[in-house]
Amino acid sequence: MTTILITGAGGEVGYTLIHELAKNKDNYVVATSLHDLPPESEKESSEFIQMDITDKDSVTSVFAKHEFDTIFHLASILSTGGEKTPELALDVNTIGSINILEAATKQGLEIKKSIKFIFPSSIAAYGIPNLEEKKKAGKVTEKEYGHPITMYGMTKIFTENLGIYFSENYQMLSDIDRDNLIDFRCVRFPGLLSPDTLPSGGTSDYGSEMVHSAAQKRDYASFVRADSKIPFMAMIDAVMGIIKLSEADKKSLSQKVYNIRGFSPRASEIADEAHKLFPGTKITYDNINEIRQGIVDSWPEDLDDSPAQKDWGFKAKYDFERTFEKYLLPKIKERYGI
C-alpha cells in the first residue's frame, strides 16, 4: 500500500484529488481537514482525521499514527479570504506549512526514507506592476515577477522556498542523512474551473461563478472587467497534473517549482461560453470590485509551462472549448438536474 496524506482535503482541489486517488486500490488515503469533509469525499477516503495544521500537537499525532509515502499539502487560506483576515492567512499558510514540513522531515529521517511532498502553489505567487507590463510579459516563467501583492501570494512563494530549504539545506551544520530529506515538488496552478464544487474564496473564482450561476438561471455581476485575462484550466487537469508530478522519476526533474496551464481566456469569453451552455441569464460588469480587480491585474495573462512538459510530460487534456463542452457541461447539468 502507498500511504498518502492530504491536508485541506475538504477544499475544491481535495474533492477531486481524493476521487482520483481512490481509483487505485493500492492507495491508502488519509484525508485531513479542520472541518468535516463532503460525505462523498469521506466515503472515498481510507480514513478521515480532523486536524488543525497550525496546532503542532495535532499534526504530530497524525504522523505518529501513519508512515507516509506521499503528502499533498493543500490546506491554505485563499487570496480573497487572505485579504479579509491576513493574520489568519499568515498563520495557516506559513506556520501550518512549517508544521507539516517539519513533521514530514522528522519522519523521513526516522524511517530512513525520502517522503514525497507535493505542494500546489498558485498564480498568486506572481506580481506584475501594471497592465502595460502584463500585456508585454506574455507567457511568464517560474523565475519572473516574484513579487506578489497579496498575503496569499506572499505565503505561497514563502512556502515554495521553505520546501526547497527542507529538501536541500535543512540543518546545514548537522550530519543528518540528506538522502532522507523530503522530496519537495511544487506546481503553480492557474485559475481552476470545477463542476463538482462551488468557489470558496479565490480571486479567480469569477470563472466558476459565471458558469454555476448561469446553470442555476441566476444573473451574475462580475467583480472583474470583461477584458480581464489570466490563465485557467479544468480542475481535473490540475489534479492529474499533481498526481503525475508525484509519480515522476526524481532524476527527470530539473527544478522544484513548475508552472502548469490550460488556456488564457478573457472574462468575457468565459461569460460567452456560460451563455452558450446555459442561455437565458445576464452577466454584467457594472459592479467591479477594484481591490479584487487589482489582484487579477497583477497576475500574468499566461504561463510558460514548457519545463513541466519537458521534465515530466505534463499536457492538459482539456482546451478551452472542450473544458466547457465535455467537462463542465455534463457534470453541471447532472448537479443541478438540468
Protein backbone atom coordinates (compact mmCIF):
# COMPACT_ATOMS: atom_id res chain seq x y z
CA MET A 1 0.00 0.00 0.00
CA THR A 2 1.03 3.58 -0.67
CA THR A 3 0.06 5.74 2.30
CA ILE A 4 -0.93 9.25 1.24
CA LEU A 5 -1.68 12.27 3.40
CA ILE A 6 -3.89 15.07 2.11
CA THR A 7 -4.15 18.26 4.17
CA GLY A 8 -7.02 20.63 3.47
CA ALA A 9 -8.89 17.71 1.93
CA GLY A 10 -12.26 19.44 2.25
CA GLY A 11 -11.44 22.08 -0.36
CA GLU A 12 -12.09 22.18 -4.10
CA VAL A 13 -8.82 20.52 -5.12
CA GLY A 14 -9.11 17.95 -2.33
CA TYR A 15 -12.53 16.83 -3.56
CA THR A 16 -11.24 15.84 -7.00
CA LEU A 17 -7.87 14.59 -5.72
CA ILE A 18 -9.49 12.14 -3.29
CA HIS A 19 -11.77 10.87 -6.05
CA GLU A 20 -8.85 10.22 -8.42
CA LEU A 21 -6.53 8.66 -5.82
CA ALA A 22 -9.32 6.36 -4.59
CA LYS A 23 -9.44 4.71 -8.02
CA ASN A 24 -6.14 2.98 -7.20
CA LYS A 25 -6.89 0.35 -4.56
CA ASP A 26 -3.22 0.29 -3.57
CA ASN A 27 -3.57 3.84 -2.21
CA TYR A 28 -4.40 4.32 1.46
CA VAL A 29 -5.63 7.92 1.53
CA VAL A 30 -5.59 9.71 4.87
CA ALA A 31 -7.70 12.82 4.36
CA THR A 32 -7.34 15.58 6.95
CA SER A 33 -9.21 18.84 7.36
CA LEU A 34 -10.08 21.32 10.08
CA HIS A 35 -13.76 20.84 9.17
CA ASP A 36 -15.87 17.88 8.07
CA LEU A 37 -15.43 16.53 4.56
CA PRO A 38 -18.22 16.36 1.99
CA PRO A 39 -19.92 12.97 2.50
CA GLU A 40 -18.69 11.59 -0.84
CA SER A 41 -15.08 12.57 -0.05
CA GLU A 42 -15.20 10.94 3.37
CA LYS A 43 -16.65 7.79 1.80
CA GLU A 44 -13.87 7.60 -0.81
CA SER A 45 -11.09 8.27 1.71
CA SER A 46 -9.47 5.35 3.51
CA GLU A 47 -9.50 7.38 6.71
CA PHE A 48 -10.56 10.87 7.79
CA ILE A 49 -8.79 12.69 10.62
CA GLN A 50 -9.75 16.14 11.83
CA MET A 51 -6.52 18.11 12.02
CA ASP A 52 -5.57 21.74 12.61
CA ILE A 53 -2.27 22.28 10.79
CA THR A 54 -1.48 25.30 12.99
CA ASP A 55 -1.55 23.02 16.06
CA LYS A 56 1.76 21.15 16.20
CA ASP A 57 0.35 18.52 18.59
CA SER A 58 -2.49 17.81 16.17
CA VAL A 59 -0.01 17.36 13.31
CA THR A 60 2.35 15.24 15.41
CA SER A 61 -0.46 12.85 16.37
CA VAL A 62 -1.30 12.17 12.71
CA PHE A 63 2.33 11.45 11.83
CA ALA A 64 2.65 9.20 14.90
CA LYS A 65 -0.22 7.10 13.57
CA HIS A 66 0.99 6.68 9.96
CA GLU A 67 4.20 6.46 7.97
CA PHE A 68 3.56 8.42 4.79
CA ASP A 69 4.93 7.81 1.31
CA THR A 70 3.44 10.95 -0.27
CA ILE A 71 1.96 14.17 1.11
CA PHE A 72 -0.30 16.54 -0.81
CA HIS A 73 -0.30 19.73 1.24
CA LEU A 74 -3.43 21.60 0.10
CA ALA A 75 -4.52 23.41 3.27
CA SER A 76 -4.47 27.20 2.96
CA ILE A 77 -6.45 30.41 3.24
CA LEU A 78 -7.09 31.62 -0.33
CA SER A 79 -6.47 35.05 -1.84
CA THR A 80 -9.74 36.89 -1.16
CA GLY A 81 -10.10 35.32 2.28
CA GLY A 82 -6.48 36.17 2.98
CA GLU A 83 -7.08 39.86 2.40
CA LYS A 84 -10.04 39.82 4.77
CA THR A 85 -8.05 38.07 7.51
CA PRO A 86 -4.33 38.48 6.68
CA GLU A 87 -3.16 37.40 10.13
CA LEU A 88 -5.09 34.13 9.85
CA ALA A 89 -3.71 33.55 6.33
CA LEU A 90 -0.18 34.14 7.61
CA ASP A 91 -0.73 31.69 10.46
CA VAL A 92 -2.33 28.91 8.40
CA ASN A 93 -0.28 29.26 5.24
CA THR A 94 3.15 29.63 6.86
CA ILE A 95 3.12 28.24 10.42
CA GLY A 96 0.81 25.44 9.33
CA SER A 97 3.08 24.62 6.39
CA ILE A 98 6.16 24.65 8.62
CA ASN A 99 4.46 22.17 10.95
CA ILE A 100 3.75 19.77 8.08
CA LEU A 101 7.22 20.19 6.57
CA GLU A 102 8.92 19.61 9.93
CA ALA A 103 6.81 16.54 10.70
CA ALA A 104 7.46 15.03 7.26
CA THR A 105 11.21 15.73 7.53
CA LYS A 106 11.43 14.25 11.03
CA GLN A 107 9.52 11.14 9.94
CA GLY A 108 11.65 10.67 6.83
CA LEU A 109 14.86 10.86 8.83
CA GLU A 110 13.49 8.41 11.43
CA ILE A 111 12.28 5.78 8.96
CA LYS A 112 15.16 6.41 6.56
CA LYS A 113 13.02 7.31 3.57
CA SER A 114 12.55 10.43 1.48
CA ILE A 115 8.85 11.32 1.63
CA LYS A 116 7.40 12.98 -1.46
CA PHE A 117 5.96 16.36 -0.55
CA ILE A 118 3.65 17.80 -3.22
CA PHE A 119 2.72 21.46 -2.80
CA PRO A 120 0.17 23.18 -5.04
CA SER A 121 1.21 26.80 -5.24
CA SER A 122 -0.60 29.40 -7.30
CA ILE A 123 -0.56 32.05 -9.96
CA ALA A 124 -0.90 34.37 -6.96
CA ALA A 125 2.85 33.94 -6.40
CA TYR A 126 3.33 36.46 -9.23
CA GLY A 127 3.15 40.22 -9.01
CA ILE A 128 3.21 42.30 -12.20
CA PRO A 129 3.32 46.07 -11.53
CA ASN A 130 0.85 47.33 -14.16
CA LEU A 131 -1.35 46.33 -17.10
CA GLU A 132 1.10 47.60 -19.69
CA GLU A 133 3.81 45.34 -18.28
CA LYS A 134 1.34 42.47 -18.02
CA LYS A 135 0.47 42.64 -21.72
CA LYS A 136 4.13 42.96 -22.63
CA ALA A 137 5.20 39.99 -20.47
CA GLY A 138 3.20 37.33 -22.36
CA LYS A 139 3.93 33.83 -21.08
CA VAL A 140 5.71 34.18 -17.73
CA THR A 141 8.28 31.70 -16.42
CA GLU A 142 8.67 30.49 -12.84
CA LYS A 143 11.58 32.87 -12.26
CA GLU A 144 9.88 36.12 -13.26
CA TYR A 145 7.78 38.68 -11.36
CA GLY A 146 8.12 37.04 -7.95
CA HIS A 147 6.71 39.99 -6.01
CA PRO A 148 3.06 39.16 -5.14
CA ILE A 149 0.79 41.85 -3.73
CA THR A 150 -1.48 39.62 -1.60
CA MET A 151 -0.86 37.86 1.69
CA TYR A 152 -1.88 34.62 -0.02
CA GLY A 153 0.67 35.12 -2.77
CA MET A 154 3.42 36.03 -0.33
CA THR A 155 2.76 32.94 1.77
CA LYS A 156 2.75 30.75 -1.33
CA ILE A 157 6.14 31.93 -2.54
CA PHE A 158 7.46 31.73 1.03
CA THR A 159 6.32 28.10 1.33
CA GLU A 160 7.87 27.28 -2.04
CA ASN A 161 11.20 28.48 -0.67
CA LEU A 162 10.62 26.68 2.61
CA GLY A 163 10.03 23.42 0.75
CA ILE A 164 13.27 23.86 -1.16
CA TYR A 165 15.09 24.55 2.10
CA PHE A 166 13.68 21.46 3.81
CA SER A 167 14.55 19.29 0.81
CA GLU A 168 18.08 20.61 0.23
CA ASN A 169 19.53 22.69 3.04
CA TYR A 170 17.76 21.66 6.24
CA GLN A 171 20.12 21.87 9.24
CA MET A 172 23.15 22.51 7.06
CA LEU A 173 25.54 22.33 10.01
CA SER A 174 24.38 18.87 11.13
CA ASP A 175 25.46 15.44 9.91
CA ILE A 176 21.97 14.09 9.12
CA ASP A 177 21.44 11.74 6.18
CA ARG A 178 20.46 14.18 3.45
CA ASP A 179 19.21 11.41 1.17
CA ASN A 180 16.23 11.07 3.53
CA LEU A 181 15.14 14.69 3.47
CA ILE A 182 11.74 15.31 1.88
CA ASP A 183 11.39 15.18 -1.90
CA PHE A 184 9.69 18.56 -2.43
CA ARG A 185 7.77 19.11 -5.68
CA CYS A 186 5.63 22.16 -6.40
CA VAL A 187 3.12 23.18 -9.05
CA ARG A 188 1.79 26.69 -9.60
CA PHE A 189 -1.87 26.39 -10.53
CA PRO A 190 -3.70 28.93 -12.69
CA GLY A 191 -7.40 29.63 -12.05
CA LEU A 192 -9.36 26.38 -11.78
CA LEU A 193 -12.78 25.52 -13.21
CA SER A 194 -14.68 22.76 -11.43
CA PRO A 195 -18.17 21.32 -12.00
CA ASP A 196 -18.17 19.47 -8.68
CA THR A 197 -17.59 22.17 -6.07
CA LEU A 198 -18.56 25.79 -5.56
CA PRO A 199 -15.88 28.52 -5.36
CA SER A 200 -14.53 29.18 -1.86
CA GLY A 201 -12.61 32.43 -1.62
CA GLY A 202 -10.22 32.61 -4.57
CA THR A 203 -9.86 35.74 -6.67
CA SER A 204 -10.05 33.70 -9.87
CA ASP A 205 -13.46 32.41 -8.75
CA TYR A 206 -15.28 34.64 -11.22
CA GLY A 207 -14.75 31.94 -13.85
CA SER A 208 -16.56 29.20 -11.92
CA GLU A 209 -19.12 31.64 -10.52
CA MET A 210 -20.20 32.67 -14.02
CA VAL A 211 -20.80 29.07 -15.08
CA HIS A 212 -22.54 27.89 -11.91
CA SER A 213 -24.76 31.00 -11.80
CA ALA A 214 -25.81 30.52 -15.43
CA ALA A 215 -26.60 26.86 -14.76
CA GLN A 216 -28.85 27.91 -11.87
CA LYS A 217 -30.59 30.55 -14.04
CA ARG A 218 -29.23 33.34 -11.86
CA ASP A 219 -27.86 36.60 -13.21
CA TYR A 220 -24.26 37.30 -12.27
CA ALA A 221 -22.50 40.60 -11.56
CA SER A 222 -18.83 40.08 -12.34
CA PHE A 223 -16.35 41.57 -9.89
CA VAL A 224 -13.74 41.96 -12.67
CA ARG A 225 -13.77 43.73 -16.03
CA ALA A 226 -14.78 41.93 -19.20
CA ASP A 227 -11.23 42.24 -20.58
CA SER A 228 -9.59 40.67 -17.51
CA LYS A 229 -7.27 37.90 -18.63
CA ILE A 230 -5.46 35.21 -16.63
CA PRO A 231 -4.74 31.53 -17.32
CA PHE A 232 -7.25 28.86 -16.29
CA MET A 233 -7.53 25.10 -16.54
CA ALA A 234 -10.03 22.32 -15.86
CA MET A 235 -9.85 21.09 -12.26
CA ILE A 236 -9.32 17.51 -13.46
CA ASP A 237 -6.23 18.58 -15.43
CA ALA A 238 -4.83 20.34 -12.36
CA VAL A 239 -5.36 17.29 -10.15
CA MET A 240 -3.99 14.85 -12.71
CA GLY A 241 -1.03 17.22 -13.05
CA ILE A 242 -0.03 16.98 -9.39
CA ILE A 243 -0.59 13.23 -9.40
CA LYS A 244 1.62 12.90 -12.48
CA LEU A 245 4.29 15.06 -10.85
CA SER A 246 4.17 12.89 -7.72
CA GLU A 247 4.80 9.82 -9.88
CA ALA A 248 7.65 11.31 -11.94
CA ASP A 249 11.19 9.97 -11.67
CA LYS A 250 13.11 12.40 -9.47
CA LYS A 251 16.08 12.24 -11.83
CA SER A 252 13.99 13.76 -14.62
CA LEU A 253 13.11 16.87 -12.60
CA SER A 254 15.30 19.88 -13.31
CA GLN A 255 13.58 22.24 -10.85
CA LYS A 256 11.40 22.22 -7.75
CA VAL A 257 8.66 24.63 -8.87
CA TYR A 258 6.69 24.20 -12.10
CA ASN A 259 4.01 26.20 -13.88
CA ILE A 260 1.13 24.34 -15.48
CA ARG A 261 -1.65 25.88 -17.56
CA GLY A 262 -4.56 25.10 -19.85
CA PHE A 263 -5.78 28.25 -21.67
CA SER A 264 -5.99 32.01 -21.18
CA PRO A 265 -9.46 33.46 -21.81
CA ARG A 266 -10.75 36.92 -21.09
CA ALA A 267 -13.60 37.11 -18.58
CA SER A 268 -15.96 37.97 -21.43
CA GLU A 269 -15.00 34.74 -23.24
CA ILE A 270 -15.87 32.68 -20.16
CA ALA A 271 -19.17 34.56 -19.98
CA ASP A 272 -19.86 33.77 -23.65
CA GLU A 273 -19.30 30.05 -23.03
CA ALA A 274 -21.53 30.15 -19.95
CA HIS A 275 -24.27 31.78 -22.06
CA LYS A 276 -23.80 29.20 -24.80
CA LEU A 277 -24.17 26.29 -22.38
CA PHE A 278 -26.95 27.77 -20.25
CA PRO A 279 -28.85 30.52 -22.16
CA GLY A 280 -31.18 32.99 -20.56
CA THR A 281 -29.16 34.72 -17.84
CA LYS A 282 -27.26 38.00 -17.74
CA ILE A 283 -23.61 38.53 -16.84
CA THR A 284 -22.87 42.18 -16.20
CA TYR A 285 -19.76 44.25 -15.45
CA ASP A 286 -21.33 47.21 -13.65
CA ASN A 287 -20.10 46.48 -10.15
CA ILE A 288 -16.34 45.91 -10.40
CA ASN A 289 -14.52 45.29 -7.12
CA GLU A 290 -11.42 47.44 -7.52
CA ILE A 291 -9.41 45.51 -4.92
CA ARG A 292 -10.06 42.11 -6.46
CA GLN A 293 -9.60 43.61 -9.93
CA GLY A 294 -6.20 44.90 -8.87
CA ILE A 295 -5.20 41.43 -7.71
CA VAL A 296 -6.22 39.86 -11.03
CA ASP A 297 -4.38 42.61 -12.92
CA SER A 298 -1.18 41.72 -11.03
CA TRP A 299 -1.27 38.12 -12.27
CA PRO A 300 0.14 37.09 -15.68
CA GLU A 301 -2.00 36.76 -18.79
CA ASP A 302 -0.37 33.40 -19.44
CA LEU A 303 2.20 30.98 -18.04
CA ASP A 304 5.15 29.20 -19.62
CA ASP A 305 4.80 25.54 -18.67
CA SER A 306 7.45 24.17 -21.05
CA PRO A 307 9.63 22.80 -18.19
CA ALA A 308 6.69 20.72 -16.91
CA GLN A 309 6.06 19.43 -20.42
CA LYS A 310 9.73 18.55 -20.92
CA ASP A 311 10.60 17.12 -17.49
CA TRP A 312 7.54 15.07 -16.59
CA GLY A 313 5.32 15.06 -19.65
CA PHE A 314 2.59 17.39 -18.48
CA LYS A 315 -0.07 18.21 -21.04
CA ALA A 316 -3.56 19.48 -20.28
CA LYS A 317 -6.23 17.17 -21.67
CA TYR A 318 -8.85 19.91 -21.95
CA ASP A 319 -8.54 23.04 -24.07
CA PHE A 320 -10.92 25.99 -23.63
CA GLU A 321 -13.89 24.70 -25.65
CA ARG A 322 -13.51 21.09 -24.51
CA THR A 323 -13.40 22.17 -20.85
CA PHE A 324 -16.84 23.70 -21.18
CA GLU A 325 -18.50 21.24 -23.54
CA LYS A 326 -17.02 17.91 -22.40
CA TYR A 327 -16.05 18.52 -18.75
CA LEU A 328 -18.18 21.25 -17.18
CA LEU A 329 -21.46 20.84 -19.10
CA PRO A 330 -22.32 17.18 -18.38
CA LYS A 331 -21.39 17.31 -14.69
CA ILE A 332 -23.05 20.66 -14.01
CA LYS A 333 -26.24 19.52 -15.75
CA GLU A 334 -26.25 16.46 -13.51
CA ARG A 335 -25.52 18.55 -10.42
CA TYR A 336 -28.45 20.91 -10.97
CA GLY A 337 -30.83 18.42 -12.53
CA ILE A 338 -30.97 20.18 -15.89
